[in-house]
Amino acid sequence: MCDVMAHRGPDDEGFYISKNVGLGMRRLKIIDLETGHQPIHNEDETIWVILNGEIYNFLELRQDLENKGHRFYTKTDTEIIIHLYEEYGPKSFELLNGMFGFALWDSREERFLIVRDRLGIKQIYYYEDDNRIIFGSEIKTILTQSEISRDIDYQALSDYFSLQYIPAPNTIYRRIRKLPPASYISIENGEFKITKYWSLRYKQPRFSGAEAIDIIDQELQRSIKLQMISDVPLGAYLSGGIDSSLLVAMMAKVSDLPVETFSIIWDSDSNAFDERSYARFVSEKYRTNHHEFLVKPEIEEVMDRIICSFDEPFADDSAIPNYYIARETRKHVTVALSGLGGDEMSAGYERYLGLKLLNLYRLFPQKIRTGIFSKIIQGMPDSKTGSLWTERIKRFVRISDLPFAESYFSISSKVEPDEKSGLFTTEAIEKIGPEYSSSNYFQEFAKECMSDNDLDRMLYIDMNTYMVDQLLVLSDRMSMAHSLELRVPYLDHILVETFARVKPSMKLRGPVKKYLLKKVAERYFPKSFIYRKKMGFSSPIVLWLRGDLKKYMLHVLNRKSIEKTGIIDPDTAQRYISEHLDCRHNQDMKLWSLIVFMLWYNRYIERIYI
């Protein structure tokens, strides 16, 4: 199990095995390079722990614990967990500030705990039956046990084609599950139990205006400074967007040396994916040591590595740039900070504005919407430049009459629910179940959110689905594939709680997305830099599938291979291909989802390579 995740920790390996408990650990040395060997134990070796991640407030916690009489034998953050647990039991998890997945064995109480951080920055997968539980930071650790079934969870498969990822607690494998964020597993007296120890609350009173700008500025600076603690070289991803630019500006403010920054540039005929001028502007302004990497669309060489990093279908095409930037960044530093989370905390996506506009659009009489607007818009040709606006407008009019959670799901989904009957074979549809809907996740989190504001509910849904099961999984896998630790200061839980106390109108102000962070950024950058069109850290896959990757797509999605699965309807796949190549419809996300699914299916189910 440790061998297959050596990439996560090439520096050290450790084990604890006693009776019916076994702990294994691969370590990437970040804090306490000399004495931080894991597993870590307490003074009398009755409690043992292994940690994946970082505890950022460990120095503060250590001082308090030493004052209470606890004795430490290392300088690592991992040892904090044991002594906190001795002092406070499971309540100690609420005192930790960090990104973590850890397992703790208390031999005195015969209690076993598996714990995941609040925002789900680090992942934990597990298999459970009547006799045992097997867990790991990646699914591949569990799959080393040959007797564990690889039977497909067909509802999870349906979720995948809707969202391009599989929301917790499911995985593509029927018997393997994800531990949700802010939760821990306890096994004691023969009982298996999952407990949630933290939830985000939208508390009153909520602040706005200059107060909100001041507080978020201060809290973001605090988080960044805290996460810059490291005993190894450290840098930052710099796309040139607001989130990463603000991150670098604040890092430069507290760093004694020039910040190492890293950007990726697509070798593409289209300028729509090139932000190098903005990244260079930030680098020059804050005098960073900047590195740029030019990437060509020769991704066949890395696709197998990417597929094997996730162990289940995962179709976010930005895995490609993330793979390359992590590979190149690791040649210079061991730790990198990322701007991930800024969009989810401060409403940076088009879909937040889209749902707001949807309420205005609904003021038109239905006859005009369906009889005139819908017919005109659905007949619009696809963009030949890779722009997503045509597809967004078409989807906008299709969902105009749906309830809140379902309309937001449709905005976020890549495959409409009524398309599923054509995408899947009859046999697969039966296994999914005629009543099953992937929108259930959105409906549940909309109800769980302690706010009746639409924007709050959208942000809460994204925090518990898209962010945790797509963005954070992607960032973890692509960085750790190259033994690079990626930190996300925007997801410091105190900062996240602070964002939740800001009035929604400070996040989405009229048509201005991410208003609050842009106001903070005005203190560091000129307005002309801030108020420009957002590009995002993605790949020009829409164009590549019509050009450089056309041959690769046709090879992977050949009719014989698709028929062999018994899951995907080959006629539908061929229709997606022809519509995309003819520019009748932009089907890039559906095609990419099919490509990734086929590559995964061949490697993990058929055990063959193409």
Foldseek 3Di string as FASTA:
>chain_A
DCVVQCLQAVDDKDWDDDDQDIDIDHHHAWPQNDPPDDQDAFDVRQKTKDKDWAFLCQVVLVVVLVVVPGDDDTRGSNVSVHSLCVVPNPLSLVVTWIFIWMWMARNVQRKIKTAGAALQLFWKKWFDDQPDIDMDSAVVVVVVPVVQDQDFQLLQVVLCQWFLFGFFQDARRPGMGIQFHQWMWMAGPSDTDIDHDDDFALDPPFDDDPVLLVVLLVLLLVLLVSVVDTPWDEAAEFALALLRLSSLLSVLVPDPDAHEYEYEAEPDPACLQGPVVSSVVSCVLSVHNYDYHYDYPPCVVCLLVLLVLRLGRGQAQLLVVLLVRLQVVVVPIQEYEYSPPLCLLQPFDVVLVLVVVLVVVPVDDPCCLPVPVLVVLLQDFFDLNLDCVSVLSNLSSVLSPPDLLVSSSSSNTLADPVCQPQFWDPVSDVSSPVPDDSSVLLVVQLVVHNDPDSSSSSSSSCSNGVRNGHVSSSNVSSNSSNSHHYHYSCPRVVSSSSSSSHDSCCRCPPPDHRNSSLVSCVVPDPNVSHPDDDRDSHDSQLNCCLPVCVVVLCVLLPQVLVVVVNTTDSVVLVVLSVCSNVRRDRSRSSSSSSSSNSQSCCCPPVVHHD
